[in-house]
Amino acid sequence: YYYSNAKIMAKCAVMMNEDAAYYEDL
């Protein structure tokens, strides 16, 4: 779940104009 949450957060970050790379790297 930690992994799948991080993947989803990266997609959401793009929509929120925030740092998707942080979550992709995580």
PDB file of all heavy atoms in Angstrom:
ATOM      1  N   TYR A   1       0.831  -1.210   0.000  1.00  0.00           N
ATOM      2  CA  TYR A   1       0.000   0.000   0.000  1.00  0.00           C
ATOM      3  C   TYR A   1       0.865   1.260   0.000  1.00  0.00           C
ATOM      4  O   TYR A   1       0.506   2.258  -0.639  1.00  0.00           O
ATOM      5  CB  TYR A   1      -0.958   0.006   1.187  1.00  0.00           C
ATOM      6  CG  TYR A   1      -2.236  -0.727   0.901  1.00  0.00           C
ATOM      7  CD1 TYR A   1      -2.536  -1.931   1.523  1.00  0.00           C
ATOM      8  CD2 TYR A   1      -3.152  -0.216  -0.015  1.00  0.00           C
ATOM      9  CE1 TYR A   1      -3.699  -2.615   1.246  1.00  0.00           C
ATOM     10  CE2 TYR A   1      -4.327  -0.898  -0.307  1.00  0.00           C
ATOM     11  CZ  TYR A   1      -4.597  -2.096   0.336  1.00  0.00           C
ATOM     12  OH  TYR A   1      -5.748  -2.776   0.037  1.00  0.00           O
ATOM     13  N   TYR A   2       1.974   1.228   0.682  1.00  0.00           N
ATOM     14  CA  TYR A   2       2.898   2.361   0.661  1.00  0.00           C
ATOM     15  C   TYR A   2       3.325   2.649  -0.776  1.00  0.00           C
ATOM     16  O   TYR A   2       3.354   3.800  -1.230  1.00  0.00           O
ATOM     17  CB  TYR A   2       4.104   2.026   1.537  1.00  0.00           C
ATOM     18  CG  TYR A   2       5.049   3.159   1.858  1.00  0.00           C
ATOM     19  CD1 TYR A   2       4.654   4.492   1.852  1.00  0.00           C
ATOM     20  CD2 TYR A   2       6.379   2.869   2.215  1.00  0.00           C
ATOM     21  CE1 TYR A   2       5.538   5.512   2.171  1.00  0.00           C
ATOM     22  CE2 TYR A   2       7.271   3.884   2.544  1.00  0.00           C
ATOM     23  CZ  TYR A   2       6.847   5.207   2.518  1.00  0.00           C
ATOM     24  OH  TYR A   2       7.730   6.208   2.837  1.00  0.00           O
ATOM     25  N   TYR A   3       3.625   1.583  -1.511  1.00  0.00           N
ATOM     26  CA  TYR A   3       4.038   1.718  -2.912  1.00  0.00           C
ATOM     27  C   TYR A   3       2.902   2.240  -3.790  1.00  0.00           C
ATOM     28  O   TYR A   3       3.070   3.222  -4.530  1.00  0.00           O
ATOM     29  CB  TYR A   3       4.513   0.370  -3.445  1.00  0.00           C
ATOM     30  CG  TYR A   3       4.747   0.344  -4.937  1.00  0.00           C
ATOM     31  CD1 TYR A   3       5.831   1.010  -5.502  1.00  0.00           C
ATOM     32  CD2 TYR A   3       3.874  -0.331  -5.783  1.00  0.00           C
ATOM     33  CE1 TYR A   3       6.039   1.004  -6.874  1.00  0.00           C
ATOM     34  CE2 TYR A   3       4.073  -0.354  -7.150  1.00  0.00           C
ATOM     35  CZ  TYR A   3       5.158   0.321  -7.694  1.00  0.00           C
ATOM     36  OH  TYR A   3       5.354   0.313  -9.048  1.00  0.00           O
ATOM     37  N   SER A   4       1.737   1.605  -3.714  1.00  0.00           N
ATOM     38  CA  SER A   4       0.637   2.017  -4.594  1.00  0.00           C
ATOM     39  C   SER A   4       0.162   3.422  -4.251  1.00  0.00           C
ATOM     40  O   SER A   4      -0.208   4.192  -5.144  1.00  0.00           O
ATOM     41  CB  SER A   4      -0.524   1.021  -4.523  1.00  0.00           C
ATOM     42  OG  SER A   4      -1.062   0.937  -3.220  1.00  0.00           O
ATOM     43  N   ASN A   5       0.213   3.784  -2.965  1.00  0.00           N
ATOM     44  CA  ASN A   5      -0.142   5.151  -2.576  1.00  0.00           C
ATOM     45  C   ASN A   5       0.828   6.160  -3.195  1.00  0.00           C
ATOM     46  O   ASN A   5       0.413   7.226  -3.680  1.00  0.00           O
ATOM     47  CB  ASN A   5      -0.112   5.305  -1.059  1.00  0.00           C
ATOM     48  CG  ASN A   5      -1.277   4.617  -0.372  1.00  0.00           C
ATOM     49  OD1 ASN A   5      -2.243   4.215  -1.019  1.00  0.00           O
ATOM     50  ND2 ASN A   5      -1.199   4.479   0.938  1.00  0.00           N
ATOM     51  N   ALA A   6       2.116   5.834  -3.178  1.00  0.00           N
ATOM     52  CA  ALA A   6       3.114   6.742  -3.750  1.00  0.00           C
ATOM     53  C   ALA A   6       2.890   6.923  -5.252  1.00  0.00           C
ATOM     54  O   ALA A   6       3.019   8.030  -5.783  1.00  0.00           O
ATOM     55  CB  ALA A   6       4.525   6.221  -3.475  1.00  0.00           C
ATOM     56  N   LYS A   7       2.531   5.838  -5.943  1.00  0.00           N
ATOM     57  CA  LYS A   7       2.258   5.930  -7.378  1.00  0.00           C
ATOM     58  C   LYS A   7       1.054   6.838  -7.644  1.00  0.00           C
ATOM     59  O   LYS A   7       1.074   7.665  -8.565  1.00  0.00           O
ATOM     60  CB  LYS A   7       1.989   4.534  -7.944  1.00  0.00           C
ATOM     61  CG  LYS A   7       3.183   3.586  -7.888  1.00  0.00           C
ATOM     62  CD  LYS A   7       4.208   3.895  -8.951  1.00  0.00           C
ATOM     63  CE  LYS A   7       3.737   3.440 -10.313  1.00  0.00           C
ATOM     64  NZ  LYS A   7       4.783   3.645 -11.350  1.00  0.00           N
ATOM     65  N   ILE A   8       0.011   6.676  -6.833  1.00  0.00           N
ATOM     66  CA  ILE A   8      -1.177   7.516  -7.003  1.00  0.00           C
ATOM     67  C   ILE A   8      -0.861   8.968  -6.664  1.00  0.00           C
ATOM     68  O   ILE A   8      -1.295   9.898  -7.370  1.00  0.00           O
ATOM     69  CB  ILE A   8      -2.323   6.978  -6.125  1.00  0.00           C
ATOM     70  CG1 ILE A   8      -2.829   5.654  -6.698  1.00  0.00           C
ATOM     71  CG2 ILE A   8      -3.458   7.998  -6.019  1.00  0.00           C
ATOM     72  CD1 ILE A   8      -3.786   4.913  -5.794  1.00  0.00           C
ATOM     73  N   MET A   9      -0.086   9.184  -5.604  1.00  0.00           N
ATOM     74  CA  MET A   9       0.261  10.548  -5.197  1.00  0.00           C
ATOM     75  C   MET A   9       1.035  11.267  -6.306  1.00  0.00           C
ATOM     76  O   MET A   9       0.872  12.476  -6.498  1.00  0.00           O
ATOM     77  CB  MET A   9       1.060  10.524  -3.907  1.00  0.00           C
ATOM     78  CG  MET A   9       0.263  10.125  -2.677  1.00  0.00           C
ATOM     79  SD  MET A   9      -1.022  11.311  -2.215  1.00  0.00           S
ATOM     80  CE  MET A   9      -0.011  12.639  -1.546  1.00  0.00           C
ATOM     81  N   ALA A  10       1.873  10.545  -7.027  1.00  0.00           N
ATOM     82  CA  ALA A  10       2.615  11.156  -8.130  1.00  0.00           C
ATOM     83  C   ALA A  10       1.656  11.653  -9.210  1.00  0.00           C
ATOM     84  O   ALA A  10       1.824  12.756  -9.762  1.00  0.00           O
ATOM     85  CB  ALA A  10       3.610  10.160  -8.710  1.00  0.00           C
ATOM     86  N   LYS A  11       0.613  10.858  -9.502  1.00  0.00           N
ATOM     87  CA  LYS A  11      -0.372  11.269 -10.503  1.00  0.00           C
ATOM     88  C   LYS A  11      -1.180  12.467 -10.006  1.00  0.00           C
ATOM     89  O   LYS A  11      -1.469  13.398 -10.763  1.00  0.00           O
ATOM     90  CB  LYS A  11      -1.292  10.099 -10.834  1.00  0.00           C
ATOM     91  CG  LYS A  11      -0.581   8.923 -11.484  1.00  0.00           C
ATOM     92  CD  LYS A  11      -1.519   7.737 -11.660  1.00  0.00           C
ATOM     93  CE  LYS A  11      -0.784   6.536 -12.225  1.00  0.00           C
ATOM     94  NZ  LYS A  11      -1.660   5.339 -12.323  1.00  0.00           N
ATOM     95  N   CYS A  12      -1.542  12.434  -8.727  1.00  0.00           N
ATOM     96  CA  CYS A  12      -2.319  13.539  -8.160  1.00  0.00           C
ATOM     97  C   CYS A  12      -1.488  14.817  -8.100  1.00  0.00           C
ATOM     98  O   CYS A  12      -2.013  15.919  -8.311  1.00  0.00           O
ATOM     99  CB  CYS A  12      -2.818  13.177  -6.765  1.00  0.00           C
ATOM    100  SG  CYS A  12      -4.031  11.837  -6.722  1.00  0.00           S
ATOM    101  N   ALA A  13      -0.193  14.671  -7.811  1.00  0.00           N
ATOM    102  CA  ALA A  13       0.674  15.846  -7.714  1.00  0.00           C
ATOM    103  C   ALA A  13       0.715  16.619  -9.021  1.00  0.00           C
ATOM    104  O   ALA A  13       0.787  17.851  -9.017  1.00  0.00           O
ATOM    105  CB  ALA A  13       2.089  15.416  -7.291  1.00  0.00           C
ATOM    106  N   VAL A  14       0.675  15.911 -10.128  1.00  0.00           N
ATOM    107  CA  VAL A  14       0.655  16.576 -11.436  1.00  0.00           C
ATOM    108  C   VAL A  14      -0.570  17.476 -11.534  1.00  0.00           C
ATOM    109  O   VAL A  14      -0.480  18.638 -11.969  1.00  0.00           O
ATOM    110  CB  VAL A  14       0.659  15.536 -12.573  1.00  0.00           C
ATOM    111  CG1 VAL A  14       0.481  16.218 -13.919  1.00  0.00           C
ATOM    112  CG2 VAL A  14       1.957  14.733 -12.552  1.00  0.00           C
ATOM    113  N   MET A  15      -1.712  16.951 -11.111  1.00  0.00           N
ATOM    114  CA  MET A  15      -2.947  17.743 -11.169  1.00  0.00           C
ATOM    115  C   MET A  15      -2.912  18.930 -10.219  1.00  0.00           C
ATOM    116  O   MET A  15      -3.511  19.971 -10.483  1.00  0.00           O
ATOM    117  CB  MET A  15      -4.146  16.855 -10.833  1.00  0.00           C
ATOM    118  CG  MET A  15      -4.438  15.797 -11.875  1.00  0.00           C
ATOM    119  SD  MET A  15      -5.975  14.911 -11.525  1.00  0.00           S
ATOM    120  CE  MET A  15      -5.451  13.837 -10.196  1.00  0.00           C
ATOM    121  N   MET A  16      -2.186  18.764  -9.094  1.00  0.00           N
ATOM    122  CA  MET A  16      -2.130  19.822  -8.084  1.00  0.00           C
ATOM    123  C   MET A  16      -0.955  20.773  -8.306  1.00  0.00           C
ATOM    124  O   MET A  16      -0.677  21.641  -7.479  1.00  0.00           O
ATOM    125  CB  MET A  16      -2.024  19.186  -6.689  1.00  0.00           C
ATOM    126  CG  MET A  16      -3.175  18.246  -6.342  1.00  0.00           C
ATOM    127  SD  MET A  16      -4.791  19.046  -6.383  1.00  0.00           S
ATOM    128  CE  MET A  16      -4.625  20.207  -5.030  1.00  0.00           C
ATOM    129  N   ASN A  17      -0.257  20.592  -9.442  1.00  0.00           N
ATOM    130  CA  ASN A  17       0.907  21.427  -9.770  1.00  0.00           C
ATOM    131  C   ASN A  17       1.966  21.381  -8.667  1.00  0.00           C
ATOM    132  O   ASN A  17       2.570  22.396  -8.312  1.00  0.00           O
ATOM    133  CB  ASN A  17       0.477  22.873 -10.033  1.00  0.00           C
ATOM    134  CG  ASN A  17      -0.370  22.996 -11.284  1.00  0.00           C
ATOM    135  OD1 ASN A  17      -0.047  22.414 -12.321  1.00  0.00           O
ATOM    136  ND2 ASN A  17      -1.472  23.723 -11.184  1.00  0.00           N
ATOM    137  N   GLU A  18       2.181  20.189  -8.127  1.00  0.00           N
ATOM    138  CA  GLU A  18       3.203  19.984  -7.114  1.00  0.00           C
ATOM    139  C   GLU A  18       4.218  18.963  -7.609  1.00  0.00           C
ATOM    140  O   GLU A  18       4.131  18.476  -8.737  1.00  0.00           O
ATOM    141  CB  GLU A  18       2.564  19.568  -5.789  1.00  0.00           C
ATOM    142  CG  GLU A  18       1.693  20.671  -5.193  1.00  0.00           C
ATOM    143  CD  GLU A  18       1.367  20.451  -3.728  1.00  0.00           C
ATOM    144  OE1 GLU A  18       2.061  19.651  -3.069  1.00  0.00           O
ATOM    145  OE2 GLU A  18       0.407  21.082  -3.239  1.00  0.00           O
ATOM    146  N   ASP A  19       5.189  18.632  -6.772  1.00  0.00           N
ATOM    147  CA  ASP A  19       6.351  17.854  -7.188  1.00  0.00           C
ATOM    148  C   ASP A  19       6.020  16.366  -7.320  1.00  0.00           C
ATOM    149  O   ASP A  19       6.074  15.617  -6.344  1.00  0.00           O
ATOM    150  CB  ASP A  19       7.491  18.065  -6.185  1.00  0.00           C
ATOM    151  CG  ASP A  19       8.779  17.376  -6.619  1.00  0.00           C
ATOM    152  OD1 ASP A  19       8.851  16.921  -7.782  1.00  0.00           O
ATOM    153  OD2 ASP A  19       9.712  17.289  -5.799  1.00  0.00           O
ATOM    154  N   ALA A  20       5.682  15.944  -8.529  1.00  0.00           N
ATOM    155  CA  ALA A  20       5.399  14.529  -8.766  1.00  0.00           C
ATOM    156  C   ALA A  20       6.657  13.686  -8.667  1.00  0.00           C
ATOM    157  O   ALA A  20       6.593  12.514  -8.279  1.00  0.00           O
ATOM    158  CB  ALA A  20       4.755  14.346 -10.135  1.00  0.00           C
ATOM    159  N   ALA A  21       7.808  14.260  -8.988  1.00  0.00           N
ATOM    160  CA  ALA A  21       9.066  13.495  -8.985  1.00  0.00           C
ATOM    161  C   ALA A  21       9.372  12.939  -7.604  1.00  0.00           C
ATOM    162  O   ALA A  21       9.948  11.849  -7.485  1.00  0.00           O
ATOM    163  CB  ALA A  21      10.212  14.369  -9.473  1.00  0.00           C
ATOM    164  N   TYR A  22       8.995  13.675  -6.567  1.00  0.00           N
ATOM    165  CA  TYR A  22       9.244  13.199  -5.191  1.00  0.00           C
ATOM    166  C   TYR A  22       8.559  11.859  -4.962  1.00  0.00           C
ATOM    167  O   TYR A  22       9.156  10.908  -4.438  1.00  0.00           O
ATOM    168  CB  TYR A  22       8.738  14.234  -4.181  1.00  0.00           C
ATOM    169  CG  TYR A  22       8.706  13.716  -2.757  1.00  0.00           C
ATOM    170  CD1 TYR A  22       9.879  13.642  -1.996  1.00  0.00           C
ATOM    171  CD2 TYR A  22       7.511  13.294  -2.179  1.00  0.00           C
ATOM    172  CE1 TYR A  22       9.845  13.155  -0.693  1.00  0.00           C
ATOM    173  CE2 TYR A  22       7.471  12.804  -0.877  1.00  0.00           C
ATOM    174  CZ  TYR A  22       8.640  12.745  -0.145  1.00  0.00           C
ATOM    175  OH  TYR A  22       8.609  12.252   1.146  1.00  0.00           O
ATOM    176  N   TYR A  23       7.300  11.761  -5.365  1.00  0.00           N
ATOM    177  CA  TYR A  23       6.548  10.524  -5.142  1.00  0.00           C
ATOM    178  C   TYR A  23       6.958   9.433  -6.122  1.00  0.00           C
ATOM    179  O   TYR A  23       6.941   8.246  -5.788  1.00  0.00           O
ATOM    180  CB  TYR A  23       5.050  10.807  -5.229  1.00  0.00           C
ATOM    181  CG  TYR A  23       4.553  11.679  -4.100  1.00  0.00           C
ATOM    182  CD1 TYR A  23       4.173  13.002  -4.326  1.00  0.00           C
ATOM    183  CD2 TYR A  23       4.485  11.192  -2.796  1.00  0.00           C
ATOM    184  CE1 TYR A  23       3.726  13.806  -3.278  1.00  0.00           C
ATOM    185  CE2 TYR A  23       4.044  11.988  -1.748  1.00  0.00           C
ATOM    186  CZ  TYR A  23       3.670  13.293  -1.998  1.00  0.00           C
ATOM    187  OH  TYR A  23       3.242  14.084  -0.954  1.00  0.00           O
ATOM    188  N   GLU A  24       7.314   9.798  -7.336  1.00  0.00           N
ATOM    189  CA  GLU A  24       7.798   8.803  -8.294  1.00  0.00           C
ATOM    190  C   GLU A  24       9.084   8.157  -7.788  1.00  0.00           C
ATOM    191  O   GLU A  24       9.266   6.935  -7.877  1.00  0.00           O
ATOM    192  CB  GLU A  24       8.028   9.462  -9.650  1.00  0.00           C
ATOM    193  CG  GLU A  24       6.746   9.891 -10.348  1.00  0.00           C
ATOM    194  CD  GLU A  24       7.007  10.767 -11.551  1.00  0.00           C
ATOM    195  OE1 GLU A  24       8.183  11.150 -11.766  1.00  0.00           O
ATOM    196  OE2 GLU A  24       6.041  11.082 -12.279  1.00  0.00           O
ATOM    197  N   ASP A  25       9.992   8.979  -7.262  1.00  0.00           N
ATOM    198  CA  ASP A  25      11.247   8.469  -6.713  1.00  0.00           C
ATOM    199  C   ASP A  25      10.988   7.597  -5.494  1.00  0.00           C
ATOM    200  O   ASP A  25      11.596   6.528  -5.332  1.00  0.00           O
ATOM    201  CB  ASP A  25      12.165   9.636  -6.347  1.00  0.00           C
ATOM    202  CG  ASP A  25      13.493   9.171  -5.770  1.00  0.00           C
ATOM    203  OD1 ASP A  25      14.262   8.517  -6.521  1.00  0.00           O
ATOM    204  OD2 ASP A  25      13.766   9.444  -4.582  1.00  0.00           O
ATOM    205  N   LEU A  26      10.065   8.036  -4.637  1.00  0.00           N
ATOM    206  CA  LEU A  26       9.712   7.247  -3.455  1.00  0.00           C
ATOM    207  C   LEU A  26       9.143   5.897  -3.856  1.00  0.00           C
ATOM    208  O   LEU A  26       9.531   4.858  -3.301  1.00  0.00           O
ATOM    209  CB  LEU A  26       8.691   8.018  -2.611  1.00  0.00           C
ATOM    210  CG  LEU A  26       8.121   7.288  -1.395  1.00  0.00           C
ATOM    211  CD1 LEU A  26       9.227   6.942  -0.401  1.00  0.00           C
ATOM    212  CD2 LEU A  26       7.032   8.131  -0.718  1.00  0.00           C
TER     213      LEU A  26
END
